[in-house]
């Protein structure tokens, strides 16, 4: 019953808020996309069209407001790479031998692209970016809390069933991405109450990653933490925080988790890797064979699973690599635009991080770090799972693009003056200020 009530509240409040500002409708859409109420509370919710209702109101409000502000500045390239990838998939769908599967793929990407465009063109203030970050952390934290409840109740639901229609590996990669957002959001907040809430979410997320037994997600978590350590100018409390995180991993990871993770790098006496790891390498080799047949147009959107049985795999077998499968299905133009979307988000956030002056609002630096750490972790994990329709990384990329857009608008209008600074500076919070931008120029909202 609680799930049904919460879902109705999100739908109604999100639809009403979308009429006032499409960005608030976008936040409600993100909430429903991450919580997946039809899976989370399947016992009380069946066949609901809650996301569709919010999406219709959000898009209608967006259209009535002239499709938002397309002055995207430094975010123009990654945004148009995403649009280009979608249009390329539409073209490939017309040419695909299996129309049903190809157009289903296009439909799934449209459900991500359109809300993404609403979010990036209606994001106007630092407050909007923080609300998006909080939405990602709270929703991911709550999902992981429920998975922990199952786990401590004696049933590892995440490992055996998965979540939201995907298996344990795909779900865990979404959690890895959310963990990167949570860490730097924790550093950005002054209130100990807020830090406590984020800290609890981080604990639930980290433990869920471990008992998911997803080795790709575990590896990505380690790489994400390492990158976070590098891009943060560390003070004594930061060393303590990283130490606590390392200790938590050691304590939470039991013998079975450690043993399964180490199997990834081990070979038996015949020089063979563990069966699951070896099968991925064999899958990628077969995908390379298909890619060579047509490196420009690929085999068609969502078509590799239809070809897997011709190589001796079970029909419907995924390639277990987002990057390999995307290249196989959409060819060189597709993988260049798709991976370029994420890489440009990371690269431009990195460049902005090195240029941010000390007098700039602290959030800009934190948002850059969120984007870099979370998307790097996702990029590593996605090498081991096919999950092109997983929403979390797209929303994190939007967080990075929105940060680029807002900073560029404020700087162009003189609200932020350039000056030399250490790109790792941990800017000390001062009196909270919410910077925004409207038709008259930059504004301080409080």
Protein backbone atom coordinates (compact mmCIF):
# COMPACT_ATOMS: atom_id res chain seq x y z
CA UNK A 1 0.00 0.00 0.00
CA UNK A 2 2.84 2.42 0.80
CA UNK A 3 4.26 1.92 -2.67
CA UNK A 4 0.93 2.66 -4.34
CA UNK A 5 0.41 5.81 -2.27
CA UNK A 6 3.96 7.03 -2.92
CA UNK A 7 3.66 6.36 -6.66
CA UNK A 8 0.39 8.28 -6.91
CA UNK A 9 1.90 11.17 -4.95
CA UNK A 10 4.93 11.36 -7.24
CA UNK A 11 2.73 11.17 -10.34
CA UNK A 12 0.22 13.79 -9.23
CA UNK A 13 2.72 16.21 -7.69
CA UNK A 14 5.15 15.76 -10.59
CA UNK A 15 2.43 16.41 -13.18
CA UNK A 16 1.22 19.52 -11.39
CA UNK A 17 4.78 20.81 -10.91
CA UNK A 18 5.53 20.18 -14.59
CA UNK A 19 2.83 22.69 -15.51
CA UNK A 20 4.72 25.31 -13.52
CA UNK A 21 8.21 24.29 -14.67
CA UNK A 22 9.01 21.33 -16.97
CA UNK A 23 12.19 20.67 -14.99
CA UNK A 24 10.18 19.61 -11.94
CA UNK A 25 8.24 17.21 -14.13
CA UNK A 26 11.59 15.89 -15.31
CA UNK A 27 12.63 15.25 -11.69
CA UNK A 28 9.41 13.30 -11.11
CA UNK A 29 10.09 11.29 -14.27
CA UNK A 30 13.62 10.50 -13.05
CA UNK A 31 12.21 9.41 -9.69
CA UNK A 32 9.80 6.97 -11.29
CA UNK A 33 12.47 5.72 -13.70
CA UNK A 34 14.88 4.92 -10.86
CA UNK A 35 12.37 3.51 -8.36
CA UNK A 36 10.58 1.39 -10.98
CA UNK A 37 7.40 1.12 -8.86
CA UNK A 38 5.90 -1.58 -11.10
CA UNK A 39 8.82 -3.82 -10.07
CA UNK A 40 9.48 -2.47 -6.59
CA UNK A 41 5.85 -2.85 -5.48
CA UNK A 42 4.54 -5.35 -8.02
CA UNK A 43 2.15 -6.78 -5.42
CA UNK A 44 0.12 -3.54 -5.33
CA UNK A 45 0.92 -1.88 -8.68
CA UNK A 46 0.08 -3.56 -11.96
CA UNK A 47 -0.02 -2.08 -15.43
CA UNK A 48 0.27 1.53 -14.28
CA UNK A 49 1.25 4.23 -16.77
CA UNK A 50 2.63 6.62 -14.20
CA UNK A 51 5.83 7.53 -16.06
CA UNK A 52 3.84 8.02 -19.25
CA UNK A 53 1.44 10.42 -17.53
CA UNK A 54 4.27 12.51 -16.11
CA UNK A 55 6.11 12.43 -19.46
CA UNK A 56 3.08 13.68 -21.42
CA UNK A 57 2.50 16.61 -19.06
CA UNK A 58 6.23 17.40 -18.94
CA UNK A 59 6.62 17.38 -22.72
CA UNK A 60 3.44 19.42 -23.24
CA UNK A 61 4.65 22.06 -20.79
CA UNK A 62 8.07 22.06 -22.48
CA UNK A 63 6.54 22.58 -25.93
CA UNK A 64 4.30 25.40 -24.70
CA UNK A 65 7.40 27.16 -23.34
CA UNK A 66 9.18 27.07 -26.67
CA UNK A 67 11.32 23.94 -26.03
CA UNK A 68 13.44 25.64 -23.37
CA UNK A 69 16.76 27.41 -23.78
CA UNK A 70 19.08 25.85 -26.38
CA UNK A 71 22.03 28.09 -25.59
CA UNK A 72 24.05 25.12 -24.39
CA UNK A 73 27.58 26.53 -24.53
CA UNK A 74 30.20 23.91 -23.67
CA UNK A 75 27.54 21.22 -23.41
CA UNK A 76 26.55 21.60 -27.06
CA UNK A 77 28.88 18.87 -28.35
CA UNK A 78 27.89 16.05 -25.95
CA UNK A 79 24.19 16.89 -26.27
CA UNK A 80 24.28 16.86 -30.07
CA UNK A 81 26.30 13.64 -30.06
CA UNK A 82 23.45 12.04 -28.11
CA UNK A 83 20.89 13.43 -30.56
CA UNK A 84 23.06 12.28 -33.47
CA UNK A 85 23.25 8.77 -32.06
CA UNK A 86 19.48 8.61 -31.73
CA UNK A 87 18.93 9.82 -35.32
CA UNK A 88 21.51 7.30 -36.55
CA UNK A 89 19.56 4.51 -34.80
CA UNK A 90 16.36 5.75 -36.47
CA UNK A 91 18.08 5.51 -39.87
CA UNK A 92 19.37 2.02 -39.06
CA UNK A 93 15.89 0.95 -37.94
CA UNK A 94 14.52 1.72 -41.42
CA UNK A 95 17.22 -0.53 -42.89
CA UNK A 96 17.08 -3.29 -40.26
CA UNK A 97 16.05 -6.82 -41.29
CA UNK A 98 14.07 -7.22 -38.06
CA UNK A 99 11.89 -4.13 -37.78
CA UNK A 100 10.17 -4.97 -34.50
CA UNK A 101 13.38 -5.28 -32.49
CA UNK A 102 14.99 -2.25 -34.14
CA UNK A 103 12.07 0.08 -33.50
CA UNK A 104 11.71 -1.18 -29.95
CA UNK A 105 15.31 -0.10 -29.38
CA UNK A 106 14.56 3.32 -30.88
CA UNK A 107 11.52 3.64 -28.62
CA UNK A 108 13.60 2.87 -25.52
CA UNK A 109 16.19 5.47 -26.49
CA UNK A 110 13.47 8.05 -27.18
CA UNK A 111 12.16 7.56 -23.63
CA UNK A 112 15.60 8.62 -22.40
CA UNK A 113 16.51 11.28 -24.96
CA UNK A 114 13.33 13.38 -24.75
CA UNK A 115 13.42 13.77 -20.92
CA UNK A 116 17.16 14.44 -21.23
CA UNK A 117 16.47 17.32 -23.63
CA UNK A 118 13.77 18.68 -21.34
CA UNK A 119 16.17 18.62 -18.41
CA UNK A 120 19.14 20.21 -20.17
CA UNK A 121 17.09 23.01 -21.78
CA UNK A 122 15.10 23.94 -18.66
CA UNK A 123 17.85 23.69 -16.03
CA UNK A 124 18.36 27.31 -14.93
CA UNK A 125 19.91 27.33 -11.46
CA UNK A 126 22.41 25.65 -9.20
CA UNK A 127 19.44 24.55 -7.14
CA UNK A 128 18.09 22.53 -10.08
CA UNK A 129 21.37 20.64 -10.38
CA UNK A 130 21.40 19.86 -6.66
CA UNK A 131 17.81 18.63 -6.82
CA UNK A 132 18.76 16.26 -9.63
CA UNK A 133 21.76 14.96 -7.67
CA UNK A 134 19.62 14.46 -4.56
CA UNK A 135 16.97 12.66 -6.62
CA UNK A 136 19.55 10.22 -7.98
CA UNK A 137 21.06 9.54 -4.55
CA UNK A 138 17.79 9.16 -2.62
CA UNK A 139 16.16 6.92 -5.23
CA UNK A 140 19.23 4.70 -5.63
CA UNK A 141 19.68 4.61 -1.86
CA UNK A 142 16.07 3.59 -1.30
CA UNK A 143 16.23 0.80 -3.89
CA UNK A 144 19.41 -0.50 -2.24
CA UNK A 145 17.77 -0.24 1.18
CA UNK A 146 15.00 -2.55 -0.03
CA UNK A 147 17.58 -4.95 -1.47
CA UNK A 148 19.39 -4.95 1.90
CA UNK A 149 16.11 -5.75 3.67
CA UNK A 150 15.69 -8.79 1.45
CA UNK A 151 19.32 -9.80 1.96
CA UNK A 152 19.24 -9.63 5.75
CA UNK A 153 15.91 -11.42 5.66
CA UNK A 154 17.71 -14.43 4.20
CA UNK A 155 16.93 -14.00 0.49
CA UNK A 156 19.37 -12.32 -1.90
CA UNK A 157 16.73 -10.87 -4.20
CA UNK A 158 19.22 -8.71 -6.09
CA UNK A 159 21.53 -11.59 -6.99
CA UNK A 160 18.82 -14.16 -7.78
CA UNK A 161 16.21 -11.93 -9.47
CA UNK A 162 17.81 -8.56 -10.20
CA UNK A 163 15.83 -5.33 -10.16
CA UNK A 164 13.63 -3.40 -12.56
CA UNK A 165 13.66 -6.03 -15.27
CA UNK A 166 17.47 -6.35 -15.41
CA UNK A 167 19.80 -8.88 -13.80
CA UNK A 168 22.12 -8.38 -10.84
CA UNK A 169 25.02 -7.15 -12.97
CA UNK A 170 23.06 -4.42 -14.76
CA UNK A 171 21.36 -3.25 -11.57
CA UNK A 172 24.71 -3.11 -9.74
CA UNK A 173 26.21 -0.90 -12.44
CA UNK A 174 23.41 1.59 -11.88
CA UNK A 175 24.29 1.49 -8.19
CA UNK A 176 27.97 2.16 -8.94
CA UNK A 177 27.00 5.28 -10.88
CA UNK A 178 24.75 6.45 -8.06
CA UNK A 179 27.54 5.85 -5.54
CA UNK A 180 29.78 8.31 -7.38
CA UNK A 181 27.08 10.97 -7.17
CA UNK A 182 26.49 10.29 -3.47
CA UNK A 183 30.15 10.65 -2.49
CA UNK A 184 30.67 14.17 -3.82
CA UNK A 185 27.18 15.25 -2.81
CA UNK A 186 28.21 14.22 0.71
CA UNK A 187 31.28 16.48 0.49
CA UNK A 188 29.25 19.40 -0.86
CA UNK A 189 26.74 19.55 1.99
CA UNK A 190 27.31 21.48 5.23
CA UNK A 191 24.39 20.13 7.25
CA UNK A 192 25.25 17.06 9.31
CA UNK A 193 21.66 15.87 8.95
CA UNK A 194 22.00 15.87 5.17
CA UNK A 195 25.42 14.22 5.44
CA UNK A 196 23.90 11.51 7.62
CA UNK A 197 21.15 10.83 5.06
CA UNK A 198 23.66 10.65 2.20
CA UNK A 199 26.02 8.52 4.29
CA UNK A 200 23.24 6.02 4.97
CA UNK A 201 22.44 5.88 1.24
CA UNK A 202 26.12 5.29 0.46
CA UNK A 203 26.27 2.40 2.95
CA UNK A 204 23.17 0.75 1.47
CA UNK A 205 24.48 1.22 -2.09
CA UNK A 206 27.96 -0.10 -1.34
CA UNK A 207 26.68 -3.18 0.44
CA UNK A 208 24.20 -3.89 -2.38
CA UNK A 209 27.05 -3.76 -4.90
CA UNK A 210 28.98 -6.31 -2.88
CA UNK A 211 26.20 -8.86 -2.39
CA UNK A 212 25.13 -8.48 -6.03
CA UNK A 213 28.33 -10.52 -6.73
CA UNK A 214 28.86 -8.42 -9.87
CA UNK A 215 32.61 -8.42 -10.43
CA UNK A 216 32.40 -5.68 -13.04
CA UNK A 217 30.55 -3.45 -10.58
CA UNK A 218 33.11 -4.20 -7.83
CA UNK A 219 35.99 -3.35 -10.16
CA UNK A 220 34.25 -0.16 -11.28
CA UNK A 221 33.69 0.85 -7.65
CA UNK A 222 37.40 0.50 -6.91
CA UNK A 223 38.33 2.54 -9.98
CA UNK A 224 35.72 5.18 -9.16
CA UNK A 225 37.03 5.56 -5.61
CA UNK A 226 40.60 5.84 -6.89
CA UNK A 227 39.63 8.57 -9.35
CA UNK A 228 37.67 10.37 -6.63
CA UNK A 229 40.74 10.28 -4.39
CA UNK A 230 42.88 11.77 -7.15
CA UNK A 231 40.58 14.64 -8.19
CA UNK A 232 39.88 15.80 -4.65
CA UNK A 233 42.32 18.15 -2.92
CA UNK A 234 42.50 16.25 0.29
CA UNK A 235 42.51 17.52 3.85
CA UNK A 236 42.83 15.46 6.99
CA UNK A 237 39.10 14.71 7.11
CA UNK A 238 39.19 13.46 3.53
CA UNK A 239 41.91 10.92 4.31
CA UNK A 240 39.77 9.77 7.22
CA UNK A 241 36.73 9.48 4.94
CA UNK A 242 38.59 7.44 2.33
CA UNK A 243 39.99 5.27 5.11
CA UNK A 244 36.52 4.62 6.49
CA UNK A 245 35.30 3.74 3.00
CA UNK A 246 38.16 1.26 2.51
CA UNK A 247 37.49 -0.29 5.92
CA UNK A 248 33.78 -0.56 5.13
CA UNK A 249 34.55 -2.49 1.95
CA UNK A 250 36.79 -4.92 3.85
CA UNK A 251 34.19 -5.46 6.57
CA UNK A 252 31.18 -5.73 4.26
CA UNK A 253 32.82 -8.03 1.72
CA UNK A 254 32.61 -11.57 3.02
CA UNK A 255 34.77 -14.52 1.89
CA UNK A 256 32.39 -15.46 -0.93
CA UNK A 257 32.49 -11.92 -2.35
CA UNK A 258 36.30 -11.76 -2.25
CA UNK A 259 36.65 -15.23 -3.76
CA UNK A 260 34.27 -14.49 -6.64
CA UNK A 261 35.99 -11.18 -7.42
CA UNK A 262 39.48 -12.75 -7.50
CA UNK A 263 38.30 -15.46 -9.91
CA UNK A 264 38.11 -12.74 -12.58
CA UNK A 265 41.90 -12.54 -12.75
CA UNK A 266 42.79 -16.19 -12.19
CA UNK A 267 43.39 -19.01 -14.66
CA UNK A 268 43.27 -22.74 -14.12
CA UNK A 269 46.06 -25.21 -14.92
CA UNK A 270 45.03 -25.28 -18.59
CA UNK A 271 45.39 -21.51 -18.85
CA UNK A 272 41.60 -20.98 -18.98
CA UNK A 273 39.79 -18.28 -17.04
CA UNK A 274 36.77 -18.91 -14.88
CA UNK A 275 33.79 -19.91 -17.08
CA UNK A 276 31.86 -16.65 -16.83
CA UNK A 277 34.91 -14.48 -17.55
CA UNK A 278 36.00 -16.72 -20.44
CA UNK A 279 32.52 -16.66 -21.98
CA UNK A 280 32.61 -12.88 -22.17
CA UNK A 281 35.87 -12.95 -24.10
CA UNK A 282 34.42 -15.53 -26.48
CA UNK A 283 31.28 -13.41 -26.92
CA UNK A 284 33.34 -10.33 -27.77
CA UNK A 285 35.32 -12.32 -30.34
CA UNK A 286 32.08 -13.37 -32.04
CA UNK A 287 30.83 -9.77 -31.97
CA UNK A 288 34.05 -8.71 -33.67
CA UNK A 289 33.30 -11.21 -36.43
CA UNK A 290 29.84 -9.69 -36.96
CA UNK A 291 31.24 -6.15 -36.79
CA UNK A 292 33.71 -6.92 -39.59
CA UNK A 293 30.86 -7.87 -41.91
CA UNK A 294 29.54 -4.27 -41.91
CA UNK A 295 31.65 -1.87 -39.82
CA UNK A 296 29.66 1.18 -40.96
CA UNK A 297 26.01 0.23 -40.44
CA UNK A 298 26.43 -2.71 -38.09
CA UNK A 299 23.97 -5.57 -37.89
CA UNK A 300 21.06 -3.37 -36.72
CA UNK A 301 19.78 -1.96 -33.40
CA UNK A 302 19.18 -4.70 -30.84
CA UNK A 303 20.09 -7.34 -33.46
CA UNK A 304 23.07 -9.11 -31.88
CA UNK A 305 20.79 -11.24 -29.62
CA UNK A 306 19.07 -12.43 -32.82
CA UNK A 307 22.40 -13.57 -34.24
CA UNK A 308 23.96 -15.08 -31.11
CA UNK A 309 22.58 -18.58 -31.77
CA UNK A 310 24.45 -18.75 -35.09
CA UNK A 311 27.69 -18.80 -33.07
CA UNK A 312 26.48 -21.54 -30.73
CA UNK A 313 25.11 -19.27 -27.99
CA UNK A 314 21.60 -19.37 -26.62
CA UNK A 315 19.21 -17.32 -28.75
CA UNK A 316 18.77 -13.89 -27.23
CA UNK A 317 22.22 -13.90 -25.63
CA UNK A 318 23.52 -10.37 -24.98
CA UNK A 319 27.15 -9.47 -25.71
CA UNK A 320 27.82 -8.65 -22.04
CA UNK A 321 29.49 -5.39 -23.02
CA UNK A 322 27.68 -2.15 -23.73
CA UNK A 323 30.52 -0.81 -25.86
CA UNK A 324 31.11 -4.02 -27.85
CA UNK A 325 27.41 -4.61 -28.49
CA UNK A 326 26.78 -0.99 -29.51
CA UNK A 327 29.65 -1.12 -32.00
CA UNK A 328 28.40 -4.44 -33.37
CA UNK A 329 24.82 -3.23 -33.81
CA UNK A 330 25.30 0.40 -34.91
CA UNK A 331 28.73 0.36 -36.55
CA UNK A 332 31.55 2.86 -36.23
CA UNK A 333 29.37 6.01 -36.48
CA UNK A 334 27.11 4.69 -33.73
CA UNK A 335 29.81 3.76 -31.24
CA UNK A 336 31.73 6.99 -31.91
CA UNK A 337 28.67 9.14 -31.16
CA UNK A 338 27.48 7.00 -28.25
CA UNK A 339 30.80 6.73 -26.44
CA UNK A 340 31.66 10.28 -27.49
CA UNK A 341 28.61 11.53 -25.59
CA UNK A 342 30.02 10.19 -22.32
CA UNK A 343 33.65 10.95 -23.07
CA UNK A 344 32.91 14.58 -23.94
CA UNK A 345 30.94 14.97 -20.70
CA UNK A 346 33.95 13.68 -18.77
CA UNK A 347 36.52 15.66 -20.77
CA UNK A 348 34.69 18.99 -20.61
CA UNK A 349 33.95 18.53 -16.92
CA UNK A 350 37.67 17.85 -16.40
CA UNK A 351 38.63 20.99 -18.29
CA UNK A 352 36.10 23.07 -16.37
CA UNK A 353 37.39 21.66 -13.08
CA UNK A 354 40.85 22.95 -13.93
CA UNK A 355 39.54 26.42 -14.79
CA UNK A 356 37.05 27.14 -12.01
CA UNK A 357 38.11 30.25 -10.04
CA UNK A 358 38.07 30.20 -6.25
CA UNK A 359 35.32 32.80 -6.06
CA UNK A 360 32.91 30.61 -8.05
CA UNK A 361 30.11 28.83 -6.17
CA UNK A 362 31.48 25.56 -4.69
CA UNK A 363 28.85 23.44 -6.41
CA UNK A 364 30.43 23.80 -9.84
CA UNK A 365 33.58 21.98 -8.71
CA UNK A 366 31.61 19.29 -6.90
CA UNK A 367 29.38 18.73 -9.94
CA UNK A 368 32.44 18.30 -12.18
CA UNK A 369 33.84 15.71 -9.78
CA UNK A 370 30.50 13.90 -9.63
CA UNK A 371 30.39 13.65 -13.42
CA UNK A 372 33.99 12.45 -13.78
CA UNK A 373 33.95 9.87 -10.99
CA UNK A 374 30.46 8.48 -11.66
CA UNK A 375 30.82 8.19 -15.44
CA UNK A 376 34.32 6.69 -15.21
CA UNK A 377 32.96 4.04 -12.86
CA UNK A 378 30.04 3.42 -15.20
CA UNK A 379 32.34 3.24 -18.24
CA UNK A 380 34.43 0.47 -16.67
CA UNK A 381 31.43 -1.50 -15.43
CA UNK A 382 29.61 -1.20 -18.77
CA UNK A 383 32.43 -3.13 -20.44
CA UNK A 384 31.05 -6.26 -18.78
CA UNK A 385 27.28 -5.80 -19.25
CA UNK A 386 24.92 -4.78 -22.07
CA UNK A 387 22.63 -2.10 -20.65
CA UNK A 388 22.00 0.66 -23.17
CA UNK A 389 18.61 1.53 -21.63
CA UNK A 390 19.89 1.96 -18.04
CA UNK A 391 18.79 5.49 -17.13
CA UNK A 392 21.16 6.49 -14.31
CA UNK A 393 24.29 7.27 -16.38
CA UNK A 394 22.29 9.47 -18.76
CA UNK A 395 21.02 11.52 -15.84
CA UNK A 396 24.52 11.83 -14.40
CA UNK A 397 25.70 13.00 -17.83
CA UNK A 398 22.88 15.54 -17.76
CA UNK A 399 24.14 16.71 -14.38
CA UNK A 400 27.55 17.32 -15.95
CA UNK A 401 26.11 19.00 -19.05
CA UNK A 402 23.83 21.19 -16.94
CA UNK A 403 26.83 22.24 -14.90
CA UNK A 404 28.67 23.25 -18.08
CA UNK A 405 25.65 25.19 -19.35
CA UNK A 406 25.02 27.12 -16.16
CA UNK A 407 28.68 27.97 -15.55
CA UNK A 408 29.13 29.22 -19.11
CA UNK A 409 26.06 31.47 -18.90
CA UNK A 410 27.16 32.98 -15.59
CA UNK A 411 30.71 33.52 -16.81
CA UNK A 412 29.60 35.06 -20.11
CA UNK A 413 27.49 37.59 -18.21
CA UNK A 414 30.23 38.54 -15.79
CA UNK A 415 28.85 36.79 -12.70
CA UNK A 416 32.04 34.69 -12.50
CA UNK A 417 35.39 36.30 -13.35
CA UNK A 418 38.21 34.00 -14.51
CA UNK A 419 41.30 33.69 -12.34
CA UNK A 420 44.02 31.16 -11.67
CA UNK A 421 43.22 28.39 -9.22
CA UNK A 422 44.27 24.88 -8.24
CA UNK A 423 41.89 22.54 -10.10
CA UNK A 424 41.68 20.28 -7.03
CA UNK A 425 40.70 23.11 -4.68
CA UNK A 426 38.11 22.13 -2.17
CA UNK A 427 36.30 25.46 -2.08
CA UNK A 428 35.10 26.20 1.39
CA UNK A 429 31.34 26.75 1.67
CA UNK A 430 30.33 30.23 2.68
CA UNK A 431 26.89 31.74 3.05
CA UNK A 432 24.65 29.56 0.86
CA UNK A 433 23.86 31.25 -2.45
CA UNK A 434 21.84 29.91 -5.33
CA UNK A 435 23.00 31.32 -8.64
CA UNK A 436 20.71 31.24 -11.62
CA UNK A 437 20.12 32.77 -15.01
CA UNK A 438 17.15 34.38 -16.63
CA UNK A 439 16.42 36.58 -19.61
CA UNK A 440 17.82 39.63 -17.83
CA UNK A 441 21.11 37.94 -17.00
CA UNK A 442 22.62 36.26 -13.93
CA UNK A 443 20.74 36.40 -10.66
CA UNK A 444 21.37 35.38 -7.04
CA UNK A 445 18.23 33.68 -5.86
CA UNK A 446 18.96 33.88 -2.12
